[in-house]
PDB file of N, CA and C in Angstrom:
ATOM      1  N   MET A   1      29.942  24.996  24.749  1.00  0.00           N
ATOM      2  CA  MET A   1      31.040  24.274  24.734  1.00  0.00           C
ATOM      3  C   MET A   1      31.706  24.467  23.231  1.00  0.00           C
ATOM      4  N   LYS A   2      31.024  24.610  22.677  1.00  0.00           N
ATOM      5  CA  LYS A   2      31.339  24.959  21.344  1.00  0.00           C
ATOM      6  C   LYS A   2      32.356  26.307  21.157  1.00  0.00           C
ATOM      7  N   LYS A   3      31.870  27.214  22.110  1.00  0.00           N
ATOM      8  CA  LYS A   3      32.093  28.446  22.452  1.00  0.00           C
ATOM      9  C   LYS A   3      33.710  28.326  22.698  1.00  0.00           C
ATOM     10  N   CYS A   4      33.818  27.787  23.955  1.00  0.00           N
ATOM     11  CA  CYS A   4      35.241  27.314  24.505  1.00  0.00           C
ATOM     12  C   CYS A   4      35.937  26.609  23.694  1.00  0.00           C
ATOM     13  N   ILE A   5      35.511  25.471  22.648  1.00  0.00           N
ATOM     14  CA  ILE A   5      36.615  25.244  21.576  1.00  0.00           C
ATOM     15  C   ILE A   5      37.071  26.074  20.540  1.00  0.00           C
ATOM     16  N   SER A   6      36.196  26.979  20.281  1.00  0.00           N
ATOM     17  CA  SER A   6      36.196  28.069  19.258  1.00  0.00           C
ATOM     18  C   SER A   6      37.539  28.864  20.111  1.00  0.00           C
ATOM     19  N   TYR A   7      37.432  29.695  20.972  1.00  0.00           N
ATOM     20  CA  TYR A   7      38.234  30.195  21.719  1.00  0.00           C
ATOM     21  C   TYR A   7      39.349  29.845  21.839  1.00  0.00           C
ATOM     22  N   VAL A   8      39.787  28.313  22.108  1.00  0.00           N
ATOM     23  CA  VAL A   8      40.802  27.699  22.432  1.00  0.00           C
ATOM     24  C   VAL A   8      41.456  27.342  20.696  1.00  0.00           C
ATOM     25  N   LEU A   9      40.952  27.564  19.904  1.00  0.00           N
ATOM     26  CA  LEU A   9      41.329  26.827  18.496  1.00  0.00           C
ATOM     27  C   LEU A   9      41.654  28.693  17.748  1.00  0.00           C
ATOM     28  N   ALA A  10      40.888  29.567  18.133  1.00  0.00           N
ATOM     29  CA  ALA A  10      41.289  30.352  17.499  1.00  0.00           C
ATOM     30  C   ALA A  10      42.808  31.272  18.397  1.00  0.00           C
ATOM     31  N   SER A  11      42.807  31.295  19.225  1.00  0.00           N
ATOM     32  CA  SER A  11      44.372  31.223  19.754  1.00  0.00           C
ATOM     33  C   SER A  11      45.526  30.546  19.325  1.00  0.00           C
ATOM     34  N   ASN A  12      45.174  29.692  18.951  1.00  0.00           N
ATOM     35  CA  ASN A  12      46.059  28.543  18.686  1.00  0.00           C
ATOM     36  C   ASN A  12      47.029  29.219  16.912  1.00  0.00           C
ATOM     37  N   VAL A  13      46.129  30.083  16.324  1.00  0.00           N
ATOM     38  CA  VAL A  13      47.277  29.974  15.290  1.00  0.00           C
ATOM     39  C   VAL A  13      48.028  31.466  15.348  1.00  0.00           C
ATOM     40  N   PRO A  14      47.752  32.835  15.958  1.00  0.00           N
ATOM     41  CA  PRO A  14      48.911  33.573  16.401  1.00  0.00           C
ATOM     42  C   PRO A  14      49.840  32.914  17.374  1.00  0.00           C
ATOM     43  N   GLU A  15      49.704  31.930  18.108  1.00  0.00           N
ATOM     44  CA  GLU A  15      50.462  31.225  18.864  1.00  0.00           C
ATOM     45  C   GLU A  15      51.803  30.092  17.887  1.00  0.00           C
ATOM     46  N   ILE A  16      51.076  29.603  16.772  1.00  0.00           N
ATOM     47  CA  ILE A  16      52.323  28.729  15.933  1.00  0.00           C
ATOM     48  C   ILE A  16      52.623  29.491  14.457  1.00  0.00           C
ATOM     49  N   ILE A  17      52.000  30.552  14.170  1.00  0.00           N
ATOM     50  CA  ILE A  17      52.406  30.643  12.860  1.00  0.00           C
ATOM     51  C   ILE A  17      53.626  31.817  12.916  1.00  0.00           C
ATOM     52  N   PRO A  18      53.862  32.354  14.380  1.00  0.00           N
ATOM     53  CA  PRO A  18      55.477  33.064  14.594  1.00  0.00           C
ATOM     54  C   PRO A  18      56.538  31.976  14.211  1.00  0.00           C
ATOM     55  N   PHE A  19      56.291  30.963  15.138  1.00  0.00           N
ATOM     56  CA  PHE A  19      57.124  29.925  14.994  1.00  0.00           C
ATOM     57  C   PHE A  19      57.134  29.055  14.008  1.00  0.00           C
ATOM     58  N   LEU A  20      56.382  28.865  13.154  1.00  0.00           N
ATOM     59  CA  LEU A  20      56.495  28.112  11.311  1.00  0.00           C
ATOM     60  C   LEU A  20      57.199  29.285  10.601  1.00  0.00           C
ATOM     61  N   LEU A  21      57.184  30.693  10.853  1.00  0.00           N
ATOM     62  CA  LEU A  21      57.719  31.959  10.048  1.00  0.00           C
ATOM     63  C   LEU A  21      59.092  31.656  10.747  1.00  0.00           C
ATOM     64  N   PHE A  22      59.285  31.572  12.113  1.00  0.00           N
ATOM     65  CA  PHE A  22      60.836  31.398  12.461  1.00  0.00           C
ATOM     66  C   PHE A  22      61.610  30.229  11.760  1.00  0.00           C
ATOM     67  N   ILE A  23      60.812  29.227  11.397  1.00  0.00           N
ATOM     68  CA  ILE A  23      61.436  28.398  10.814  1.00  0.00           C
ATOM     69  C   ILE A  23      61.533  28.329   9.611  1.00  0.00           C
ATOM     70  N   ALA A  24      60.933  28.918   8.712  1.00  0.00           N
ATOM     71  CA  ALA A  24      60.450  29.022   7.389  1.00  0.00           C
ATOM     72  C   ALA A  24      61.358  30.348   6.729  1.00  0.00           C
ATOM     73  N   VAL A  25      60.910  31.147   7.391  1.00  0.00           N
ATOM     74  CA  VAL A  25      61.900  32.473   7.123  1.00  0.00           C
ATOM     75  C   VAL A  25      62.687  33.294   7.493  1.00  0.00           C
ATOM     76  N   LYS A  26      63.126  32.252   8.991  1.00  0.00           N
ATOM     77  CA  LYS A  26      64.214  32.953   9.802  1.00  0.00           C
ATOM     78  C   LYS A  26      63.806  34.109   9.950  1.00  0.00           C
ATOM     79  N   ILE A  27      62.671  34.729  10.617  1.00  0.00           N
ATOM     80  CA  ILE A  27      62.486  35.722  11.097  1.00  0.00           C
ATOM     81  C   ILE A  27      62.917  35.537  12.900  1.00  0.00           C
ATOM     82  N   PRO A  28      63.568  36.715  13.520  1.00  0.00           N
ATOM     83  CA  PRO A  28      63.421  36.665  14.759  1.00  0.00           C
ATOM     84  C   PRO A  28      62.123  36.152  15.612  1.00  0.00           C
ATOM     85  N   LEU A  29      62.263  35.615  17.076  1.00  0.00           N
ATOM     86  CA  LEU A  29      60.920  35.298  17.430  1.00  0.00           C
ATOM     87  C   LEU A  29      60.797  36.417  18.236  1.00  0.00           C
ATOM     88  N   ALA A  30      59.271  36.510  18.738  1.00  0.00           N
ATOM     89  CA  ALA A  30      59.169  37.867  19.674  1.00  0.00           C
ATOM     90  C   ALA A  30      59.263  37.380  21.152  1.00  0.00           C
ATOM     91  N   ILE A  31      58.673  36.046  21.226  1.00  0.00           N
ATOM     92  CA  ILE A  31      59.153  35.923  22.662  1.00  0.00           C
ATOM     93  C   ILE A  31      59.165  34.149  22.206  1.00  0.00           C
ATOM     94  N   GLU A  32      59.782  33.371  23.441  1.00  0.00           N
ATOM     95  CA  GLU A  32      60.059  31.984  23.088  1.00  0.00           C
ATOM     96  C   GLU A  32      59.271  31.213  23.139  1.00  0.00           C
ATOM     97  N   THR A  33      59.353  30.192  22.829  1.00  0.00           N
ATOM     98  CA  THR A  33      58.032  29.437  22.718  1.00  0.00           C
ATOM     99  C   THR A  33      57.740  28.690  23.828  1.00  0.00           C
ATOM    100  N   ILE A  34      58.781  28.640  24.837  1.00  0.00           N
ATOM    101  CA  ILE A  34      58.049  28.116  26.176  1.00  0.00           C
ATOM    102  C   ILE A  34      57.189  29.228  27.095  1.00  0.00           C
ATOM    103  N   VAL A  35      57.597  30.538  26.700  1.00  0.00           N
ATOM    104  CA  VAL A  35      56.863  31.876  27.384  1.00  0.00           C
ATOM    105  C   VAL A  35      55.434  31.547  26.877  1.00  0.00           C
ATOM    106  N   ILE A  36      55.301  31.073  25.695  1.00  0.00           N
ATOM    107  CA  ILE A  36      53.975  30.849  24.908  1.00  0.00           C
ATOM    108  C   ILE A  36      53.148  29.782  25.674  1.00  0.00           C
ATOM    109  N   ILE A  37      53.558  28.822  25.765  1.00  0.00           N
ATOM    110  CA  ILE A  37      52.991  27.914  26.869  1.00  0.00           C
ATOM    111  C   ILE A  37      52.639  28.143  28.380  1.00  0.00           C
ATOM    112  N   LEU A  38      53.612  28.948  28.903  1.00  0.00           N
ATOM    113  CA  LEU A  38      53.483  29.330  29.906  1.00  0.00           C
ATOM    114  C   LEU A  38      52.360  30.473  29.970  1.00  0.00           C
ATOM    115  N   ILE A  39      52.440  31.670  28.853  1.00  0.00           N
ATOM    116  CA  ILE A  39      51.106  32.291  28.814  1.00  0.00           C
ATOM    117  C   ILE A  39      49.990  31.723  28.579  1.00  0.00           C
ATOM    118  N   ASP A  40      49.713  30.162  27.693  1.00  0.00           N
ATOM    119  CA  ASP A  40      48.827  29.664  27.482  1.00  0.00           C
ATOM    120  C   ASP A  40      48.081  29.092  29.043  1.00  0.00           C
ATOM    121  N   MET A  41      49.043  28.854  29.630  1.00  0.00           N
ATOM    122  CA  MET A  41      48.265  27.919  30.939  1.00  0.00           C
ATOM    123  C   MET A  41      48.029  28.897  31.622  1.00  0.00           C
ATOM    124  N   GLY A  42      48.648  30.304  31.933  1.00  0.00           N
ATOM    125  CA  GLY A  42      48.049  30.943  32.768  1.00  0.00           C
ATOM    126  C   GLY A  42      46.574  32.032  32.542  1.00  0.00           C
ATOM    127  N   THR A  43      46.656  32.446  30.845  1.00  0.00           N
ATOM    128  CA  THR A  43      45.617  33.316  30.193  1.00  0.00           C
ATOM    129  C   THR A  43      44.725  32.314  29.537  1.00  0.00           C
ATOM    130  N   ASP A  44      44.407  31.025  29.262  1.00  0.00           N
ATOM    131  CA  ASP A  44      43.513  30.209  28.683  1.00  0.00           C
ATOM    132  C   ASP A  44      42.793  29.296  29.540  1.00  0.00           C
ATOM    133  N   LEU A  45      43.207  29.391  30.653  1.00  0.00           N
ATOM    134  CA  LEU A  45      42.167  28.523  31.634  1.00  0.00           C
ATOM    135  C   LEU A  45      40.835  29.567  31.822  1.00  0.00           C
ATOM    136  N   ILE A  46      41.100  30.622  32.475  1.00  0.00           N
ATOM    137  CA  ILE A  46      39.628  31.364  32.764  1.00  0.00           C
ATOM    138  C   ILE A  46      38.987  31.729  32.172  1.00  0.00           C
ATOM    139  N   PRO A  47      39.336  32.207  31.080  1.00  0.00           N
ATOM    140  CA  PRO A  47      38.662  33.018  30.024  1.00  0.00           C
ATOM    141  C   PRO A  47      37.766  31.747  29.523  1.00  0.00           C
ATOM    142  N   THR A  48      38.227  30.176  29.504  1.00  0.00           N
ATOM    143  CA  THR A  48      37.418  29.496  28.774  1.00  0.00           C
ATOM    144  C   THR A  48      36.687  28.633  30.073  1.00  0.00           C
ATOM    145  N   ILE A  49      36.883  28.909  31.325  1.00  0.00           N
ATOM    146  CA  ILE A  49      36.107  28.056  32.646  1.00  0.00           C
ATOM    147  C   ILE A  49      34.564  29.706  31.912  1.00  0.00           C
ATOM    148  N   THR A  50      34.988  30.655  32.293  1.00  0.00           N
ATOM    149  CA  THR A  50      33.881  31.999  32.138  1.00  0.00           C
ATOM    150  C   THR A  50      33.148  31.794  30.795  1.00  0.00           C
ATOM    151  N   LEU A  51      33.332  31.187  29.456  1.00  0.00           N
ATOM    152  CA  LEU A  51      32.481  30.850  28.809  1.00  0.00           C
ATOM    153  C   LEU A  51      31.697  29.298  28.829  1.00  0.00           C
ATOM    154  N   ALA A  52      32.152  29.074  30.025  1.00  0.00           N
ATOM    155  CA  ALA A  52      31.431  27.646  30.164  1.00  0.00           C
ATOM    156  C   ALA A  52      30.581  28.065  30.699  1.00  0.00           C
ATOM    157  N   TYR A  53      30.475  29.075  31.833  1.00  0.00           N
ATOM    158  CA  TYR A  53      29.566  29.112  32.948  1.00  0.00           C
ATOM    159  C   TYR A  53      28.812  30.468  32.609  1.00  0.00           C
ATOM    160  N   GLU A  54      28.405  31.001  31.078  1.00  0.00           N
ATOM    161  CA  GLU A  54      27.904  31.623  30.780  1.00  0.00           C
ATOM    162  C   GLU A  54      26.164  31.366  30.715  1.00  0.00           C
ATOM    163  N   GLU A  55      25.571  32.428  30.777  1.00  0.00           N
ATOM    164  CA  GLU A  55      24.224  31.859  31.123  1.00  0.00           C
ATOM    165  C   GLU A  55      23.992  31.998  29.512  1.00  0.00           C
ATOM    166  N   ALA A  56      22.596  30.927  29.500  1.00  0.00           N
ATOM    167  CA  ALA A  56      22.023  30.616  28.051  1.00  0.00           C
ATOM    168  C   ALA A  56      21.447  31.488  27.232  1.00  0.00           C
ATOM    169  N   GLU A  57      21.575  31.220  25.696  1.00  0.00           N
ATOM    170  CA  GLU A  57      21.137  32.110  25.211  1.00  0.00           C
ATOM    171  C   GLU A  57      19.155  31.931  25.096  1.00  0.00           C
ATOM    172  N   GLU A  58      18.624  32.705  24.764  1.00  0.00           N
ATOM    173  CA  GLU A  58      17.302  32.987  25.169  1.00  0.00           C
ATOM    174  C   GLU A  58      16.642  31.916  24.515  1.00  0.00           C
ATOM    175  N   ALA A  59      16.800  31.672  23.081  1.00  0.00           N
ATOM    176  CA  ALA A  59      16.137  30.596  22.454  1.00  0.00           C
ATOM    177  C   ALA A  59      17.052  29.408  22.142  1.00  0.00           C
ATOM    178  N   ILE A  60      17.747  28.904  23.243  1.00  0.00           N
ATOM    179  CA  ILE A  60      18.243  27.833  23.344  1.00  0.00           C
ATOM    180  C   ILE A  60      17.259  26.772  22.991  1.00  0.00           C
ATOM    181  N   MET A  61      16.291  26.662  23.859  1.00  0.00           N
ATOM    182  CA  MET A  61      15.517  25.879  23.504  1.00  0.00           C
ATOM    183  C   MET A  61      14.279  25.102  22.766  1.00  0.00           C
ATOM    184  N   GLU A  62      14.354  26.398  21.603  1.00  0.00           N
ATOM    185  CA  GLU A  62      13.890  26.377  20.699  1.00  0.00           C
ATOM    186  C   GLU A  62      14.630  25.763  19.444  1.00  0.00           C
ATOM    187  N   THR A  63      15.699  25.755  19.858  1.00  0.00           N
ATOM    188  CA  THR A  63      16.630  25.423  18.632  1.00  0.00           C
ATOM    189  C   THR A  63      16.397  23.709  18.656  1.00  0.00           C
ATOM    190  N   LYS A  64      16.753  23.071  17.399  1.00  0.00           N
ATOM    191  CA  LYS A  64      16.905  21.769  16.868  1.00  0.00           C
ATOM    192  C   LYS A  64      18.000  20.904  17.433  1.00  0.00           C
ATOM    193  N   PRO A  65      17.987  20.035  18.310  1.00  0.00           N
ATOM    194  CA  PRO A  65      19.067  19.424  18.902  1.00  0.00           C
ATOM    195  C   PRO A  65      20.218  18.630  17.631  1.00  0.00           C
ATOM    196  N   ARG A  66      21.393  18.728  17.432  1.00  0.00           N
ATOM    197  CA  ARG A  66      22.267  18.437  16.487  1.00  0.00           C
ATOM    198  C   ARG A  66      21.642  17.154  16.309  1.00  0.00           C
ATOM    199  N   THR A  67      22.352  16.218  15.391  1.00  0.00           N
ATOM    200  CA  THR A  67      21.977  14.940  14.854  1.00  0.00           C
ATOM    201  C   THR A  67      23.240  14.590  15.227  1.00  0.00           C
ATOM    202  N   LYS A  68      22.991  12.881  15.086  1.00  0.00           N
ATOM    203  CA  LYS A  68      24.322  11.941  15.693  1.00  0.00           C
ATOM    204  C   LYS A  68      25.194  12.434  14.531  1.00  0.00           C
ATOM    205  N   ASP A  69      25.072  12.805  13.316  1.00  0.00           N
ATOM    206  CA  ASP A  69      26.227  12.935  12.591  1.00  0.00           C
ATOM    207  C   ASP A  69      26.987  14.137  12.594  1.00  0.00           C
ATOM    208  N   ASP A  70      26.291  15.063  13.141  1.00  0.00           N
ATOM    209  CA  ASP A  70      26.701  16.248  13.539  1.00  0.00           C
ATOM    210  C   ASP A  70      27.522  16.537  14.572  1.00  0.00           C
ATOM    211  N   HIS A  71      29.074  17.126  13.768  1.00  0.00           N
ATOM    212  CA  HIS A  71      30.171  17.275  15.103  1.00  0.00           C
ATOM    213  C   HIS A  71      30.070  18.307  16.094  1.00  0.00           C
ATOM    214  N   LEU A  72      30.761  17.957  16.938  1.00  0.00           N
ATOM    215  CA  LEU A  72      30.761  19.317  17.883  1.00  0.00           C
ATOM    216  C   LEU A  72      31.666  20.185  17.409  1.00  0.00           C
ATOM    217  N   VAL A  73      32.618  20.008  16.425  1.00  0.00           N
ATOM    218  CA  VAL A  73      33.636  20.906  15.977  1.00  0.00           C
ATOM    219  C   VAL A  73      33.433  20.524  14.264  1.00  0.00           C
ATOM    220  N   SER A  74      32.426  21.521  13.652  1.00  0.00           N
ATOM    221  CA  SER A  74      32.445  21.566  12.447  1.00  0.00           C
ATOM    222  C   SER A  74      33.202  22.315  11.534  1.00  0.00           C
ATOM    223  N   ALA A  75      33.206  22.106  10.207  1.00  0.00           N
ATOM    224  CA  ALA A  75      33.650  22.445   9.683  1.00  0.00           C
ATOM    225  C   ALA A  75      33.846  24.136   9.351  1.00  0.00           C
ATOM    226  N   LYS A  76      32.499  24.671   9.879  1.00  0.00           N
ATOM    227  CA  LYS A  76      32.424  26.373  10.025  1.00  0.00           C
ATOM    228  C   LYS A  76      32.737  26.713  11.042  1.00  0.00           C
ATOM    229  N   CYS A  77      33.057  25.759  12.359  1.00  0.00           N
ATOM    230  CA  CYS A  77      33.716  26.116  13.362  1.00  0.00           C
ATOM    231  C   CYS A  77      35.256  26.272  13.424  1.00  0.00           C
ATOM    232  N   LEU A  78      35.583  25.215  12.454  1.00  0.00           N
ATOM    233  CA  LEU A  78      37.062  25.870  12.295  1.00  0.00           C
ATOM    234  C   LEU A  78      37.588  26.410  11.071  1.00  0.00           C
ATOM    235  N   LEU A  79      36.707  26.681  10.279  1.00  0.00           N
ATOM    236  CA  LEU A  79      36.961  28.130   9.559  1.00  0.00           C
ATOM    237  C   LEU A  79      36.439  29.318   9.849  1.00  0.00           C
ATOM    238  N   THR A  80      35.764  29.431  10.795  1.00  0.00           N
ATOM    239  CA  THR A  80      35.769  30.760  11.709  1.00  0.00           C
ATOM    240  C   THR A  80      36.988  30.891  12.780  1.00  0.00           C
ATOM    241  N   SER A  81      36.988  29.975  13.050  1.00  0.00           N
ATOM    242  CA  SER A  81      38.393  29.857  14.228  1.00  0.00           C
ATOM    243  C   SER A  81      39.787  30.258  14.073  1.00  0.00           C
ATOM    244  N   TYR A  82      39.682  29.277  12.961  1.00  0.00           N
ATOM    245  CA  TYR A  82      41.161  29.061  12.120  1.00  0.00           C
ATOM    246  C   TYR A  82      41.364  30.219  11.537  1.00  0.00           C
ATOM    247  N   GLY A  83      40.808  30.555  10.300  1.00  0.00           N
ATOM    248  CA  GLY A  83      40.735  31.159   8.853  1.00  0.00           C
ATOM    249  C   GLY A  83      40.157  32.803   9.474  1.00  0.00           C
ATOM    250  N   PHE A  84      39.685  33.272  10.220  1.00  0.00           N
ATOM    251  CA  PHE A  84      39.232  34.319  10.071  1.00  0.00           C
ATOM    252  C   PHE A  84      39.490  35.210  11.813  1.00  0.00           C
ATOM    253  N   ILE A  85      39.105  34.308  12.651  1.00  0.00           N
ATOM    254  CA  ILE A  85      39.265  35.277  13.902  1.00  0.00           C
ATOM    255  C   ILE A  85      40.962  34.549  14.309  1.00  0.00           C
ATOM    256  N   GLY A  86      41.248  33.927  14.164  1.00  0.00           N
ATOM    257  CA  GLY A  86      42.783  33.079  14.156  1.00  0.00           C
ATOM    258  C   GLY A  86      43.891  34.156  13.175  1.00  0.00           C
ATOM    259  N   MET A  87      43.675  34.136  12.478  1.00  0.00           N
ATOM    260  CA  MET A  87      43.917  34.790  11.098  1.00  0.00           C
ATOM    261  C   MET A  87      44.245  36.558  11.353  1.00  0.00           C
ATOM    262  N   PHE A  88      42.859  37.065  12.543  1.00  0.00           N
ATOM    263  CA  PHE A  88      43.099  38.231  12.327  1.00  0.00           C
ATOM    264  C   PHE A  88      43.809  38.717  13.740  1.00  0.00           C
ATOM    265  N   GLU A  89      43.667  37.929  14.655  1.00  0.00           N
ATOM    266  CA  GLU A  89      44.603  37.731  15.640  1.00  0.00           C
ATOM    267  C   GLU A  89      45.817  37.941  14.999  1.00  0.00           C
ATOM    268  N   ASN A  90      46.582  36.907  14.230  1.00  0.00           N
ATOM    269  CA  ASN A  90      47.911  37.087  13.896  1.00  0.00           C
ATOM    270  C   ASN A  90      48.052  38.319  13.025  1.00  0.00           C
ATOM    271  N   PHE A  91      47.546  38.597  12.322  1.00  0.00           N
ATOM    272  CA  PHE A  91      47.716  40.081  11.436  1.00  0.00           C
ATOM    273  C   PHE A  91      48.136  41.086  12.870  1.00  0.00           C
ATOM    274  N   ALA A  92      47.313  40.975  13.475  1.00  0.00           N
ATOM    275  CA  ALA A  92      47.131  42.098  14.533  1.00  0.00           C
ATOM    276  C   ALA A  92      48.724  42.158  15.136  1.00  0.00           C
ATOM    277  N   ALA A  93      49.200  40.785  16.114  1.00  0.00           N
ATOM    278  CA  ALA A  93      50.229  40.489  16.512  1.00  0.00           C
ATOM    279  C   ALA A  93      51.564  40.886  15.652  1.00  0.00           C
ATOM    280  N   PHE A  94      51.412  40.445  14.604  1.00  0.00           N
ATOM    281  CA  PHE A  94      52.526  40.612  13.334  1.00  0.00           C
ATOM    282  C   PHE A  94      52.710  42.381  12.780  1.00  0.00           C
ATOM    283  N   PHE A  95      51.498  43.001  13.016  1.00  0.00           N
ATOM    284  CA  PHE A  95      51.326  44.375  13.130  1.00  0.00           C
ATOM    285  C   PHE A  95      52.605  44.991  13.821  1.00  0.00           C
ATOM    286  N   ALA A  96      51.711  44.913  15.374  1.00  0.00           N
ATOM    287  CA  ALA A  96      52.601  44.908  16.464  1.00  0.00           C
ATOM    288  C   ALA A  96      54.151  44.740  16.398  1.00  0.00           C
ATOM    289  N   TYR A  97      54.661  43.419  16.034  1.00  0.00           N
ATOM    290  CA  TYR A  97      55.820  42.927  16.147  1.00  0.00           C
ATOM    291  C   TYR A  97      56.661  43.518  14.829  1.00  0.00           C
ATOM    292  N   VAL A  98      55.962  44.198  13.914  1.00  0.00           N
ATOM    293  CA  VAL A  98      57.043  44.877  12.505  1.00  0.00           C
ATOM    294  C   VAL A  98      56.838  46.232  13.409  1.00  0.00           C
ATOM    295  N   TRP A  99      55.940  46.560  14.002  1.00  0.00           N
ATOM    296  CA  TRP A  99      55.979  48.189  14.291  1.00  0.00           C
ATOM    297  C   TRP A  99      56.913  48.554  15.314  1.00  0.00           C
ATOM    298  N   VAL A 100      57.302  47.423  16.306  1.00  0.00           N
ATOM    299  CA  VAL A 100      58.407  47.431  17.033  1.00  0.00           C
ATOM    300  C   VAL A 100      59.697  47.296  16.772  1.00  0.00           C
ATOM    301  N   PHE A 101      59.805  46.680  15.834  1.00  0.00           N
ATOM    302  CA  PHE A 101      60.981  46.620  15.138  1.00  0.00           C
ATOM    303  C   PHE A 101      61.461  47.924  14.410  1.00  0.00           C
ATOM    304  N   TYR A 102      60.699  48.648  13.433  1.00  0.00           N
ATOM    305  CA  TYR A 102      60.337  49.392  12.498  1.00  0.00           C
ATOM    306  C   TYR A 102      60.816  50.996  14.075  1.00  0.00           C
ATOM    307  N   ASP A 103      60.455  50.996  14.993  1.00  0.00           N
ATOM    308  CA  ASP A 103      60.469  52.005  16.098  1.00  0.00           C
ATOM    309  C   ASP A 103      61.838  51.916  16.423  1.00  0.00           C
ATOM    310  N   TYR A 104      62.544  50.712  16.107  1.00  0.00           N
ATOM    311  CA  TYR A 104      64.157  50.728  16.602  1.00  0.00           C
ATOM    312  C   TYR A 104      65.048  50.689  15.476  1.00  0.00           C
ATOM    313  N   GLY A 105      64.274  51.340  14.381  1.00  0.00           N
ATOM    314  CA  GLY A 105      64.796  51.318  12.996  1.00  0.00           C
ATOM    315  C   GLY A 105      65.319  50.039  12.191  1.00  0.00           C
ATOM    316  N   GLU A 106      64.627  49.205  12.395  1.00  0.00           N
ATOM    317  CA  GLU A 106      64.739  48.190  11.568  1.00  0.00           C
ATOM    318  C   GLU A 106      64.080  48.043  10.168  1.00  0.00           C
ATOM    319  N   THR A 107      64.166  47.471   9.584  1.00  0.00           N
ATOM    320  CA  THR A 107      62.565  47.005   8.481  1.00  0.00           C
ATOM    321  C   THR A 107      62.819  45.600   8.426  1.00  0.00           C
ATOM    322  N   VAL A 108      61.415  45.309   7.358  1.00  0.00           N
ATOM    323  CA  VAL A 108      61.236  43.573   7.571  1.00  0.00           C
ATOM    324  C   VAL A 108      62.201  43.216   6.830  1.00  0.00           C
ATOM    325  N   SER A 109      62.785  43.610   6.135  1.00  0.00           N
ATOM    326  CA  SER A 109      64.070  43.132   4.789  1.00  0.00           C
ATOM    327  C   SER A 109      65.603  42.812   5.833  1.00  0.00           C
ATOM    328  N   SER A 110      65.627  43.891   7.075  1.00  0.00           N
ATOM    329  CA  SER A 110      66.666  43.392   7.577  1.00  0.00           C
ATOM    330  C   SER A 110      66.564  42.209   8.700  1.00  0.00           C
ATOM    331  N   ILE A 111      65.026  41.984   8.624  1.00  0.00           N
ATOM    332  CA  ILE A 111      65.055  41.101  10.165  1.00  0.00           C
ATOM    333  C   ILE A 111      64.869  39.366   9.428  1.00  0.00           C
ATOM    334  N   VAL A 112      63.985  39.345   8.160  1.00  0.00           N
ATOM    335  CA  VAL A 112      64.374  38.463   7.580  1.00  0.00           C
ATOM    336  C   VAL A 112      65.791  37.563   7.419  1.00  0.00           C
ATOM    337  N   GLY A 113      65.709  36.723   7.907  1.00  0.00           N
ATOM    338  CA  GLY A 113      66.727  35.998   7.595  1.00  0.00           C
ATOM    339  C   GLY A 113      67.665  36.205   8.845  1.00  0.00           C
ATOM    340  N   ALA A 114      67.403  36.887   9.684  1.00  0.00           N
ATOM    341  CA  ALA A 114      68.075  36.735  11.105  1.00  0.00           C
ATOM    342  C   ALA A 114      68.053  35.772  12.121  1.00  0.00           C
ATOM    343  N   GLY A 115      67.020  35.208  12.152  1.00  0.00           N
ATOM    344  CA  GLY A 115      66.751  34.401  12.904  1.00  0.00           C
ATOM    345  C   GLY A 115      67.342  34.700  14.308  1.00  0.00           C
ATOM    346  N   ILE A 116      68.081  33.252  15.035  1.00  0.00           N
ATOM    347  CA  ILE A 116      68.543  33.124  16.279  1.00  0.00           C
ATOM    348  C   ILE A 116      69.550  33.839  16.553  1.00  0.00           C
ATOM    349  N   ASP A 117      70.094  34.328  15.525  1.00  0.00           N
ATOM    350  CA  ASP A 117      71.257  34.976  15.433  1.00  0.00           C
ATOM    351  C   ASP A 117      70.972  36.723  15.742  1.00  0.00           C
ATOM    352  N   TRP A 118      69.779  36.901  15.665  1.00  0.00           N
ATOM    353  CA  TRP A 118      69.373  38.370  15.958  1.00  0.00           C
ATOM    354  C   TRP A 118      69.832  38.380  17.385  1.00  0.00           C
ATOM    355  N   ARG A 119      69.740  38.133  18.328  1.00  0.00           N
ATOM    356  CA  ARG A 119      69.705  38.412  19.727  1.00  0.00           C
ATOM    357  C   ARG A 119      71.349  37.771  20.377  1.00  0.00           C
ATOM    358  N   LYS A 120      71.597  38.804  21.091  1.00  0.00           N
ATOM    359  CA  LYS A 120      72.937  38.323  21.745  1.00  0.00           C
ATOM    360  C   LYS A 120      72.693  37.266  22.762  1.00  0.00           C
ATOM    361  N   PRO A 121      74.169  36.131  22.707  1.00  0.00           N
ATOM    362  CA  PRO A 121      73.932  35.386  24.186  1.00  0.00           C
ATOM    363  C   PRO A 121      74.123  36.271  25.224  1.00  0.00           C
ATOM    364  N   TYR A 122      73.201  35.834  26.122  1.00  0.00           N
ATOM    365  CA  TYR A 122      72.944  36.500  27.535  1.00  0.00           C
ATOM    366  C   TYR A 122      74.280  36.926  28.417  1.00  0.00           C
ATOM    367  N   ASN A 123      75.260  36.099  28.208  1.00  0.00           N
ATOM    368  CA  ASN A 123      76.416  36.575  28.728  1.00  0.00           C
ATOM    369  C   ASN A 123      77.366  38.164  28.404  1.00  0.00           C
ATOM    370  N   GLU A 124      76.629  38.105  26.788  1.00  0.00           N
ATOM    371  CA  GLU A 124      77.261  39.110  25.853  1.00  0.00           C
ATOM    372  C   GLU A 124      76.319  40.726  26.183  1.00  0.00           C
ATOM    373  N   LEU A 125      75.139  40.429  26.802  1.00  0.00           N
ATOM    374  CA  LEU A 125      74.617  41.923  27.240  1.00  0.00           C
ATOM    375  C   LEU A 125      75.471  42.612  28.442  1.00  0.00           C
ATOM    376  N   GLU A 126      74.498  43.902  27.873  1.00  0.00           N
ATOM    377  CA  GLU A 126      75.435  45.113  28.493  1.00  0.00           C
ATOM    378  C   GLU A 126      74.301  45.268  29.779  1.00  0.00           C
ATOM    379  N   GLY A 127      74.560  45.672  30.890  1.00  0.00           N
ATOM    380  CA  GLY A 127      73.577  46.765  31.923  1.00  0.00           C
ATOM    381  C   GLY A 127      73.490  48.058  31.291  1.00  0.00           C
ATOM    382  N   GLU A 128      71.962  47.954  31.438  1.00  0.00           N
ATOM    383  CA  GLU A 128      71.800  49.941  31.106  1.00  0.00           C
ATOM    384  C   GLU A 128      71.484  50.539  32.118  1.00  0.00           C
TER     385      GLU A 128
END
């Protein structure tokens, strides 16, 4: 159960930070927020279910049970999920994001502040 919770918590960081940066620094969104929700619905379910059906660890019966005061989501779990794994995923995603812009001749300074005006409206797009 803890593994499933950690997986879901860690995947939330690289999903919310680009949207927060879009609001705060006005960088263009890599994908729309609704697409992130759709991706979550399709990709988070199966890995979480497989973690739930993972075979038990060898020494699981030798460890003491948690106390009544011990929570399923502890501070250590939150720090590992949000602080380490989530930030690593976020760094990797932003590296790819900036790399694609750089590949098309844009710099970070040219995209900061562009916000929603970065893309053209659908009716102004040309067929390639």
